[in-house]
Amino acid sequence: MIRNLLKIIYESIYKIITFICVASLMFLVVLVFASVVMRYVFSSPIKGAQEFSIYLLLWFGFLGIIKGHRDGNHISISYFTDRLSETGRKIINLFSELMVMLFSATMFYQGLKLYDYDIISPLPATNIPSKTLAALIVIVGFMLVIQSLIKMFFMLFREGEVWTQQ
C-alpha cells in the first residue's frame, strides 16, 4: 500500500517535471524565434528575451538531467563493464549510482546554502528572483538523490526488476 502510494507520488512528480521540460523548450523556441524576427525584421528586439531564454534553457537542461537519469538515457561507455562478470558489473553500477547520489546530495546542500544568501539580486532585465535558480539546484539535487536511492535499492534487493516504466 505505502509502496504504491510512493510510486504514484513519484510518477506524478515526474510527469510534472516532464511537462515543465516540454513547456519550457516550446516556449524557448517561440521566444527565440520571435526575438530574432523582431530584431532583424522590425529592428526592435524584445526586452529581456535573451535573459529569459537562458533562464528557460537552464530549467530545461537541469530538469532534463532528472529525466535522463531516471530513464537511463545518459551516455555511458560499457567497453570495460561488458568484460566483467555479472557481480563485477553490479558492483560498478552500484558504485556509479553512489557517486551520482553523493554529487546530487552536494548539489542539494549547496543549493540550500545559495538559496539562503540575502545578497542574491533579481535578474536585471526580467526582474526574476535569482533564488529561483537556486531552487532549481535544490530540486534537481533532491530528485537525483531519491532516484539514486531507488535505483540502488532495486540493484540490491530486486534483482531483475526495473524500477522505471520504460
N, C-alpha and C. Protein backbone atom coordinates (compact mmCIF):
# COMPACT_ATOMS: atom_id res chain seq x y z
N MET A 1 0.82 -1.20 0.00
CA MET A 1 0.00 0.00 0.00
C MET A 1 0.87 1.26 0.00
N ILE A 2 1.82 1.34 0.93
CA ILE A 2 2.70 2.50 1.00
C ILE A 2 3.56 2.57 -0.24
N ARG A 3 4.03 1.41 -0.71
CA ARG A 3 4.88 1.37 -1.91
C ARG A 3 4.11 1.93 -3.11
N ASN A 4 2.83 1.54 -3.25
CA ASN A 4 2.02 2.04 -4.36
C ASN A 4 1.78 3.55 -4.24
N LEU A 5 1.55 4.02 -3.03
CA LEU A 5 1.35 5.45 -2.81
C LEU A 5 2.60 6.24 -3.17
N LEU A 6 3.76 5.75 -2.71
CA LEU A 6 5.02 6.42 -3.04
C LEU A 6 5.27 6.41 -4.54
N LYS A 7 4.94 5.31 -5.19
CA LYS A 7 5.13 5.22 -6.64
C LYS A 7 4.22 6.21 -7.36
N ILE A 8 2.98 6.33 -6.91
CA ILE A 8 2.05 7.28 -7.51
C ILE A 8 2.55 8.72 -7.32
N ILE A 9 3.03 9.03 -6.12
CA ILE A 9 3.56 10.37 -5.86
C ILE A 9 4.77 10.65 -6.74
N TYR A 10 5.69 9.68 -6.80
CA TYR A 10 6.90 9.89 -7.61
C TYR A 10 6.54 10.03 -9.09
N GLU A 11 5.67 9.18 -9.60
CA GLU A 11 5.29 9.26 -11.01
C GLU A 11 4.59 10.58 -11.31
N SER A 12 3.79 11.08 -10.38
CA SER A 12 3.12 12.37 -10.58
C SER A 12 4.15 13.50 -10.64
N ILE A 13 5.12 13.48 -9.74
CA ILE A 13 6.18 14.49 -9.76
C ILE A 13 6.96 14.40 -11.06
N TYR A 14 7.25 13.19 -11.50
CA TYR A 14 7.99 13.00 -12.74
C TYR A 14 7.21 13.53 -13.94
N LYS A 15 5.90 13.32 -13.97
CA LYS A 15 5.07 13.85 -15.06
C LYS A 15 5.07 15.37 -15.06
N ILE A 16 5.04 15.97 -13.88
CA ILE A 16 5.10 17.43 -13.78
C ILE A 16 6.43 17.94 -14.31
N ILE A 17 7.52 17.27 -13.93
CA ILE A 17 8.85 17.66 -14.40
C ILE A 17 8.93 17.53 -15.92
N THR A 18 8.40 16.44 -16.46
CA THR A 18 8.40 16.25 -17.91
C THR A 18 7.60 17.35 -18.59
N PHE A 19 6.44 17.71 -18.03
CA PHE A 19 5.62 18.78 -18.60
C PHE A 19 6.38 20.10 -18.58
N ILE A 20 7.05 20.40 -17.47
CA ILE A 20 7.81 21.66 -17.38
C ILE A 20 8.93 21.67 -18.43
N CYS A 21 9.59 20.52 -18.62
CA CYS A 21 10.65 20.43 -19.64
C CYS A 21 10.10 20.72 -21.03
N VAL A 22 9.01 20.07 -21.37
CA VAL A 22 8.42 20.25 -22.70
C VAL A 22 7.93 21.69 -22.88
N ALA A 23 7.23 22.21 -21.88
CA ALA A 23 6.70 23.57 -21.97
C ALA A 23 7.83 24.60 -22.08
N SER A 24 8.90 24.43 -21.29
CA SER A 24 9.99 25.40 -21.34
C SER A 24 10.72 25.34 -22.69
N LEU A 25 10.86 24.14 -23.24
CA LEU A 25 11.52 24.04 -24.55
C LEU A 25 10.65 24.66 -25.65
N MET A 26 9.35 24.41 -25.60
CA MET A 26 8.45 25.00 -26.60
C MET A 26 8.45 26.53 -26.49
N PHE A 27 8.35 27.03 -25.28
CA PHE A 27 8.34 28.47 -25.09
C PHE A 27 9.68 29.08 -25.49
N LEU A 28 10.77 28.37 -25.22
CA LEU A 28 12.10 28.83 -25.60
C LEU A 28 12.21 28.98 -27.11
N VAL A 29 11.72 28.00 -27.86
CA VAL A 29 11.77 28.06 -29.32
C VAL A 29 10.95 29.25 -29.83
N VAL A 30 9.75 29.42 -29.30
CA VAL A 30 8.89 30.53 -29.73
C VAL A 30 9.52 31.87 -29.37
N LEU A 31 10.07 31.98 -28.17
CA LEU A 31 10.68 33.23 -27.73
C LEU A 31 11.88 33.61 -28.57
N VAL A 32 12.76 32.65 -28.82
CA VAL A 32 13.96 32.95 -29.62
C VAL A 32 13.56 33.30 -31.05
N PHE A 33 12.61 32.57 -31.63
CA PHE A 33 12.15 32.87 -32.98
C PHE A 33 11.56 34.28 -33.04
N ALA A 34 10.69 34.60 -32.10
CA ALA A 34 10.07 35.94 -32.08
C ALA A 34 11.12 37.02 -31.86
N SER A 35 12.10 36.75 -31.03
CA SER A 35 13.15 37.73 -30.77
C SER A 35 13.98 37.99 -32.03
N VAL A 36 14.30 36.94 -32.75
CA VAL A 36 15.08 37.10 -33.99
C VAL A 36 14.26 37.88 -35.02
N VAL A 37 12.99 37.54 -35.17
CA VAL A 37 12.13 38.25 -36.13
C VAL A 37 12.03 39.73 -35.74
N MET A 38 11.78 39.99 -34.47
CA MET A 38 11.65 41.38 -34.02
C MET A 38 12.95 42.16 -34.21
N ARG A 39 14.07 41.50 -33.96
CA ARG A 39 15.35 42.19 -34.06
C ARG A 39 15.72 42.49 -35.51
N TYR A 40 15.57 41.52 -36.41
CA TYR A 40 16.07 41.69 -37.77
C TYR A 40 15.02 42.22 -38.75
N VAL A 41 13.76 41.99 -38.49
CA VAL A 41 12.73 42.49 -39.39
C VAL A 41 12.24 43.87 -38.96
N PHE A 42 12.00 44.03 -37.66
CA PHE A 42 11.43 45.27 -37.17
C PHE A 42 12.44 46.16 -36.44
N SER A 43 13.68 45.71 -36.33
CA SER A 43 14.76 46.46 -35.66
C SER A 43 14.37 46.88 -34.24
N SER A 44 13.61 46.03 -33.58
CA SER A 44 13.17 46.32 -32.22
C SER A 44 13.18 45.01 -31.41
N PRO A 45 14.30 44.73 -30.74
CA PRO A 45 14.38 43.46 -30.00
C PRO A 45 13.43 43.43 -28.80
N ILE A 46 13.07 42.23 -28.42
CA ILE A 46 12.20 42.04 -27.25
C ILE A 46 13.05 42.22 -25.99
N LYS A 47 12.60 43.11 -25.11
CA LYS A 47 13.36 43.38 -23.89
C LYS A 47 13.39 42.13 -23.00
N GLY A 48 14.57 41.71 -22.60
CA GLY A 48 14.73 40.59 -21.68
C GLY A 48 14.61 39.22 -22.33
N ALA A 49 14.48 39.16 -23.65
CA ALA A 49 14.30 37.86 -24.32
C ALA A 49 15.53 36.97 -24.17
N GLN A 50 16.71 37.56 -24.30
CA GLN A 50 17.93 36.75 -24.19
C GLN A 50 18.08 36.21 -22.76
N GLU A 51 17.86 37.06 -21.80
CA GLU A 51 17.99 36.64 -20.40
C GLU A 51 16.97 35.55 -20.05
N PHE A 52 15.73 35.73 -20.49
CA PHE A 52 14.70 34.75 -20.19
C PHE A 52 14.93 33.44 -20.94
N SER A 53 15.48 33.52 -22.16
CA SER A 53 15.76 32.29 -22.89
C SER A 53 16.88 31.50 -22.22
N ILE A 54 17.86 32.18 -21.66
CA ILE A 54 18.91 31.48 -20.90
C ILE A 54 18.31 30.85 -19.65
N TYR A 55 17.42 31.56 -19.00
CA TYR A 55 16.73 31.06 -17.82
C TYR A 55 15.94 29.79 -18.16
N LEU A 56 15.18 29.82 -19.25
CA LEU A 56 14.42 28.64 -19.69
C LEU A 56 15.33 27.48 -20.04
N LEU A 57 16.45 27.80 -20.69
CA LEU A 57 17.39 26.75 -21.06
C LEU A 57 17.98 26.07 -19.84
N LEU A 58 18.25 26.84 -18.80
CA LEU A 58 18.75 26.26 -17.55
C LEU A 58 17.72 25.32 -16.94
N TRP A 59 16.47 25.76 -16.87
CA TRP A 59 15.42 24.90 -16.32
C TRP A 59 15.26 23.64 -17.15
N PHE A 60 15.24 23.79 -18.46
CA PHE A 60 15.10 22.63 -19.34
C PHE A 60 16.27 21.66 -19.15
N GLY A 61 17.47 22.19 -19.13
CA GLY A 61 18.66 21.34 -19.01
C GLY A 61 18.74 20.62 -17.68
N PHE A 62 18.53 21.34 -16.60
CA PHE A 62 18.64 20.72 -15.27
C PHE A 62 17.51 19.72 -15.02
N LEU A 63 16.29 20.06 -15.41
CA LEU A 63 15.20 19.10 -15.23
C LEU A 63 15.36 17.92 -16.19
N GLY A 64 15.98 18.17 -17.34
CA GLY A 64 16.27 17.08 -18.27
C GLY A 64 17.26 16.07 -17.69
N ILE A 65 18.13 16.53 -16.80
CA ILE A 65 19.05 15.63 -16.12
C ILE A 65 18.26 14.60 -15.31
N ILE A 66 17.21 15.05 -14.65
CA ILE A 66 16.38 14.13 -13.86
C ILE A 66 15.76 13.08 -14.78
N LYS A 67 15.22 13.52 -15.89
CA LYS A 67 14.59 12.59 -16.84
C LYS A 67 15.63 11.62 -17.40
N GLY A 68 16.78 12.12 -17.79
CA GLY A 68 17.82 11.26 -18.35
C GLY A 68 18.34 10.24 -17.36
N HIS A 69 18.50 10.66 -16.11
CA HIS A 69 18.97 9.74 -15.08
C HIS A 69 17.93 8.68 -14.78
N ARG A 70 16.68 9.08 -14.69
CA ARG A 70 15.60 8.13 -14.38
C ARG A 70 15.47 7.07 -15.46
N ASP A 71 15.51 7.50 -16.72
CA ASP A 71 15.30 6.58 -17.83
C ASP A 71 16.58 5.89 -18.29
N GLY A 72 17.73 6.29 -17.73
CA GLY A 72 18.99 5.68 -18.13
C GLY A 72 19.45 6.10 -19.52
N ASN A 73 19.16 7.33 -19.90
CA ASN A 73 19.49 7.82 -21.24
C ASN A 73 20.83 8.52 -21.34
N HIS A 74 21.58 8.57 -20.26
CA HIS A 74 22.87 9.25 -20.30
C HIS A 74 23.89 8.38 -21.03
N ILE A 75 24.85 9.04 -21.61
CA ILE A 75 25.90 8.35 -22.35
C ILE A 75 26.76 7.55 -21.37
N SER A 76 27.04 6.32 -21.73
CA SER A 76 27.95 5.52 -20.91
C SER A 76 28.83 4.68 -21.83
N ILE A 77 30.04 4.47 -21.40
CA ILE A 77 30.97 3.64 -22.15
C ILE A 77 31.02 2.29 -21.45
N SER A 78 30.52 1.29 -22.13
CA SER A 78 30.39 -0.03 -21.49
C SER A 78 31.47 -1.01 -21.94
N TYR A 79 32.51 -0.52 -22.58
CA TYR A 79 33.56 -1.41 -23.08
C TYR A 79 34.16 -2.26 -21.97
N PHE A 80 34.49 -1.63 -20.85
CA PHE A 80 35.12 -2.35 -19.75
C PHE A 80 34.11 -3.14 -18.91
N THR A 81 32.96 -2.54 -18.67
CA THR A 81 31.98 -3.24 -17.84
C THR A 81 31.39 -4.46 -18.54
N ASP A 82 31.35 -4.44 -19.87
CA ASP A 82 30.87 -5.61 -20.61
C ASP A 82 31.80 -6.81 -20.43
N ARG A 83 33.04 -6.56 -20.11
CA ARG A 83 34.02 -7.63 -19.94
C ARG A 83 34.04 -8.20 -18.51
N LEU A 84 33.27 -7.57 -17.62
CA LEU A 84 33.23 -8.02 -16.23
C LEU A 84 32.16 -9.09 -16.05
N SER A 85 32.28 -9.80 -14.95
CA SER A 85 31.24 -10.77 -14.59
C SER A 85 29.99 -10.01 -14.15
N GLU A 86 28.89 -10.72 -13.96
CA GLU A 86 27.64 -10.09 -13.52
C GLU A 86 27.83 -9.39 -12.18
N THR A 87 28.56 -10.03 -11.27
CA THR A 87 28.83 -9.43 -9.96
C THR A 87 29.68 -8.18 -10.10
N GLY A 88 30.67 -8.22 -10.97
CA GLY A 88 31.53 -7.06 -11.20
C GLY A 88 30.75 -5.89 -11.76
N ARG A 89 29.86 -6.17 -12.70
CA ARG A 89 29.01 -5.12 -13.27
C ARG A 89 28.09 -4.51 -12.21
N LYS A 90 27.56 -5.38 -11.35
CA LYS A 90 26.67 -4.90 -10.30
C LYS A 90 27.43 -3.97 -9.34
N ILE A 91 28.65 -4.34 -9.00
CA ILE A 91 29.47 -3.52 -8.11
C ILE A 91 29.78 -2.17 -8.75
N ILE A 92 30.16 -2.19 -10.02
CA ILE A 92 30.48 -0.94 -10.74
C ILE A 92 29.23 -0.06 -10.83
N ASN A 93 28.09 -0.66 -11.15
CA ASN A 93 26.85 0.12 -11.26
C ASN A 93 26.44 0.71 -9.91
N LEU A 94 26.60 -0.06 -8.85
CA LEU A 94 26.30 0.47 -7.51
C LEU A 94 27.23 1.62 -7.15
N PHE A 95 28.52 1.44 -7.44
CA PHE A 95 29.49 2.50 -7.17
C PHE A 95 29.14 3.75 -7.97
N SER A 96 28.78 3.58 -9.22
CA SER A 96 28.40 4.70 -10.08
C SER A 96 27.18 5.43 -9.52
N GLU A 97 26.18 4.68 -9.11
CA GLU A 97 24.98 5.29 -8.51
C GLU A 97 25.30 5.99 -7.21
N LEU A 98 26.20 5.42 -6.42
CA LEU A 98 26.62 6.05 -5.17
C LEU A 98 27.30 7.39 -5.45
N MET A 99 28.14 7.44 -6.47
CA MET A 99 28.80 8.70 -6.83
C MET A 99 27.78 9.74 -7.30
N VAL A 100 26.80 9.31 -8.10
CA VAL A 100 25.74 10.22 -8.53
C VAL A 100 24.99 10.75 -7.31
N MET A 101 24.69 9.86 -6.37
CA MET A 101 23.96 10.27 -5.18
C MET A 101 24.77 11.25 -4.34
N LEU A 102 26.05 11.02 -4.18
CA LEU A 102 26.89 11.94 -3.39
C LEU A 102 26.99 13.31 -4.07
N PHE A 103 27.17 13.30 -5.38
CA PHE A 103 27.23 14.57 -6.12
C PHE A 103 25.90 15.30 -6.00
N SER A 104 24.80 14.57 -6.12
CA SER A 104 23.47 15.17 -6.04
C SER A 104 23.19 15.72 -4.64
N ALA A 105 23.64 15.00 -3.63
CA ALA A 105 23.47 15.49 -2.26
C ALA A 105 24.26 16.78 -2.05
N THR A 106 25.44 16.85 -2.66
CA THR A 106 26.24 18.08 -2.59
C THR A 106 25.52 19.21 -3.30
N MET A 107 24.92 18.92 -4.47
CA MET A 107 24.14 19.93 -5.19
C MET A 107 22.99 20.43 -4.31
N PHE A 108 22.30 19.50 -3.68
CA PHE A 108 21.17 19.85 -2.82
C PHE A 108 21.62 20.75 -1.68
N TYR A 109 22.67 20.35 -0.99
CA TYR A 109 23.17 21.11 0.16
C TYR A 109 23.66 22.50 -0.26
N GLN A 110 24.46 22.56 -1.32
CA GLN A 110 24.98 23.85 -1.77
C GLN A 110 23.87 24.73 -2.33
N GLY A 111 22.86 24.12 -2.96
CA GLY A 111 21.72 24.89 -3.43
C GLY A 111 20.95 25.52 -2.29
N LEU A 112 20.81 24.77 -1.17
CA LEU A 112 20.16 25.33 0.01
C LEU A 112 20.96 26.51 0.57
N LYS A 113 22.27 26.37 0.61
CA LYS A 113 23.11 27.46 1.09
C LYS A 113 22.98 28.68 0.18
N LEU A 114 22.98 28.44 -1.13
CA LEU A 114 22.86 29.53 -2.08
C LEU A 114 21.51 30.22 -1.94
N TYR A 115 20.48 29.44 -1.71
CA TYR A 115 19.14 30.00 -1.57
C TYR A 115 19.03 30.91 -0.34
N ASP A 116 19.79 30.60 0.70
CA ASP A 116 19.73 31.38 1.93
C ASP A 116 20.48 32.70 1.86
N TYR A 117 21.31 32.89 0.85
CA TYR A 117 22.04 34.16 0.74
C TYR A 117 21.07 35.29 0.47
N ASP A 118 21.21 36.35 1.22
CA ASP A 118 20.35 37.52 1.04
C ASP A 118 20.88 38.46 -0.03
N ILE A 119 22.12 38.27 -0.46
CA ILE A 119 22.71 39.20 -1.41
C ILE A 119 22.33 38.90 -2.86
N ILE A 120 21.59 37.83 -3.06
CA ILE A 120 21.20 37.48 -4.42
C ILE A 120 20.16 38.48 -4.90
N SER A 121 20.48 39.13 -6.02
CA SER A 121 19.58 40.15 -6.56
C SER A 121 18.77 39.55 -7.72
N PRO A 122 17.69 40.21 -8.10
CA PRO A 122 16.92 39.71 -9.24
C PRO A 122 17.70 39.86 -10.55
N LEU A 123 17.30 39.10 -11.54
CA LEU A 123 17.93 39.20 -12.85
C LEU A 123 17.64 40.59 -13.41
N PRO A 124 18.62 41.22 -14.07
CA PRO A 124 18.49 42.65 -14.41
C PRO A 124 17.37 43.00 -15.40
N ALA A 125 17.20 42.25 -16.46
CA ALA A 125 16.23 42.64 -17.48
C ALA A 125 14.80 42.19 -17.16
N THR A 126 14.67 41.02 -16.56
CA THR A 126 13.33 40.47 -16.32
C THR A 126 12.85 40.59 -14.88
N ASN A 127 13.74 40.93 -13.98
CA ASN A 127 13.45 41.02 -12.53
C ASN A 127 12.98 39.70 -11.93
N ILE A 128 13.34 38.59 -12.55
CA ILE A 128 13.04 37.27 -11.98
C ILE A 128 13.99 37.08 -10.80
N PRO A 129 13.48 36.66 -9.65
CA PRO A 129 14.36 36.45 -8.50
C PRO A 129 15.42 35.38 -8.79
N SER A 130 16.65 35.68 -8.45
CA SER A 130 17.73 34.71 -8.66
C SER A 130 17.56 33.48 -7.80
N LYS A 131 16.78 33.60 -6.75
CA LYS A 131 16.55 32.45 -5.87
C LYS A 131 15.86 31.31 -6.61
N THR A 132 15.17 31.62 -7.70
CA THR A 132 14.52 30.55 -8.46
C THR A 132 15.56 29.62 -9.09
N LEU A 133 16.73 30.16 -9.43
CA LEU A 133 17.79 29.31 -9.97
C LEU A 133 18.40 28.46 -8.86
N ALA A 134 18.53 29.03 -7.66
CA ALA A 134 19.00 28.23 -6.52
C ALA A 134 17.98 27.15 -6.18
N ALA A 135 16.71 27.47 -6.28
CA ALA A 135 15.66 26.47 -6.04
C ALA A 135 15.74 25.35 -7.05
N LEU A 136 16.09 25.68 -8.28
CA LEU A 136 16.27 24.66 -9.32
C LEU A 136 17.36 23.67 -8.93
N ILE A 137 18.46 24.17 -8.41
CA ILE A 137 19.56 23.30 -7.99
C ILE A 137 19.11 22.41 -6.84
N VAL A 138 18.34 22.95 -5.92
CA VAL A 138 17.83 22.17 -4.79
C VAL A 138 16.89 21.07 -5.28
N ILE A 139 15.98 21.41 -6.18
CA ILE A 139 15.02 20.44 -6.72
C ILE A 139 15.75 19.30 -7.43
N VAL A 140 16.67 19.65 -8.30
CA VAL A 140 17.40 18.63 -9.07
C VAL A 140 18.23 17.76 -8.14
N GLY A 141 18.92 18.37 -7.20
CA GLY A 141 19.73 17.59 -6.27
C GLY A 141 18.88 16.62 -5.47
N PHE A 142 17.75 17.08 -4.97
CA PHE A 142 16.85 16.24 -4.18
C PHE A 142 16.31 15.08 -5.01
N MET A 143 15.81 15.38 -6.20
CA MET A 143 15.23 14.34 -7.05
C MET A 143 16.27 13.30 -7.46
N LEU A 144 17.49 13.73 -7.74
CA LEU A 144 18.53 12.78 -8.12
C LEU A 144 18.94 11.89 -6.95
N VAL A 145 18.96 12.44 -5.74
CA VAL A 145 19.26 11.62 -4.56
C VAL A 145 18.18 10.55 -4.41
N ILE A 146 16.93 10.95 -4.52
CA ILE A 146 15.82 9.98 -4.40
C ILE A 146 15.93 8.92 -5.49
N GLN A 147 16.16 9.33 -6.72
CA GLN A 147 16.29 8.37 -7.82
C GLN A 147 17.45 7.41 -7.61
N SER A 148 18.57 7.93 -7.15
CA SER A 148 19.73 7.07 -6.91
C SER A 148 19.44 6.05 -5.82
N LEU A 149 18.77 6.49 -4.76
CA LEU A 149 18.41 5.55 -3.69
C LEU A 149 17.48 4.46 -4.22
N ILE A 150 16.51 4.84 -5.03
CA ILE A 150 15.59 3.86 -5.59
C ILE A 150 16.34 2.89 -6.50
N LYS A 151 17.21 3.42 -7.36
CA LYS A 151 17.97 2.55 -8.27
C LYS A 151 18.86 1.59 -7.49
N MET A 152 19.53 2.09 -6.45
CA MET A 152 20.39 1.20 -5.66
C MET A 152 19.57 0.14 -4.94
N PHE A 153 18.40 0.51 -4.45
CA PHE A 153 17.52 -0.46 -3.80
C PHE A 153 17.17 -1.58 -4.76
N PHE A 154 16.79 -1.21 -5.98
CA PHE A 154 16.43 -2.23 -6.96
C PHE A 154 17.65 -3.08 -7.37
N MET A 155 18.82 -2.47 -7.45
CA MET A 155 20.02 -3.23 -7.78
C MET A 155 20.34 -4.26 -6.70
N LEU A 156 20.13 -3.87 -5.45
CA LEU A 156 20.50 -4.74 -4.33
C LEU A 156 19.43 -5.78 -3.98
N PHE A 157 18.16 -5.36 -3.99
CA PHE A 157 17.13 -6.22 -3.43
C PHE A 157 16.09 -6.73 -4.42
N ARG A 158 16.02 -6.15 -5.59
CA ARG A 158 15.01 -6.56 -6.57
C ARG A 158 15.71 -6.94 -7.87
N GLU A 159 16.55 -7.92 -7.81
CA GLU A 159 17.35 -8.31 -8.96
C GLU A 159 16.45 -8.70 -10.12
N GLY A 160 16.74 -8.14 -11.27
CA GLY A 160 15.98 -8.43 -12.47
C GLY A 160 14.80 -7.51 -12.71
N GLU A 161 14.35 -6.80 -11.67
CA GLU A 161 13.24 -5.87 -11.83
C GLU A 161 13.77 -4.51 -12.28
N VAL A 162 12.96 -3.81 -13.02
CA VAL A 162 13.30 -2.45 -13.44
C VAL A 162 12.35 -1.51 -12.71
N TRP A 163 12.89 -0.45 -12.18
CA TRP A 163 12.07 0.45 -11.36
C TRP A 163 11.34 1.50 -12.17
N THR A 164 11.72 1.70 -13.44
CA THR A 164 11.02 2.68 -14.26
C THR A 164 10.02 1.98 -15.16
N GLN A 165 9.17 2.77 -15.79
CA GLN A 165 8.18 2.20 -16.71
C GLN A 165 8.65 2.41 -18.13
N GLN A 166 9.78 1.85 -18.49
CA GLN A 166 10.34 2.03 -19.84
C GLN A 166 9.67 1.11 -20.80
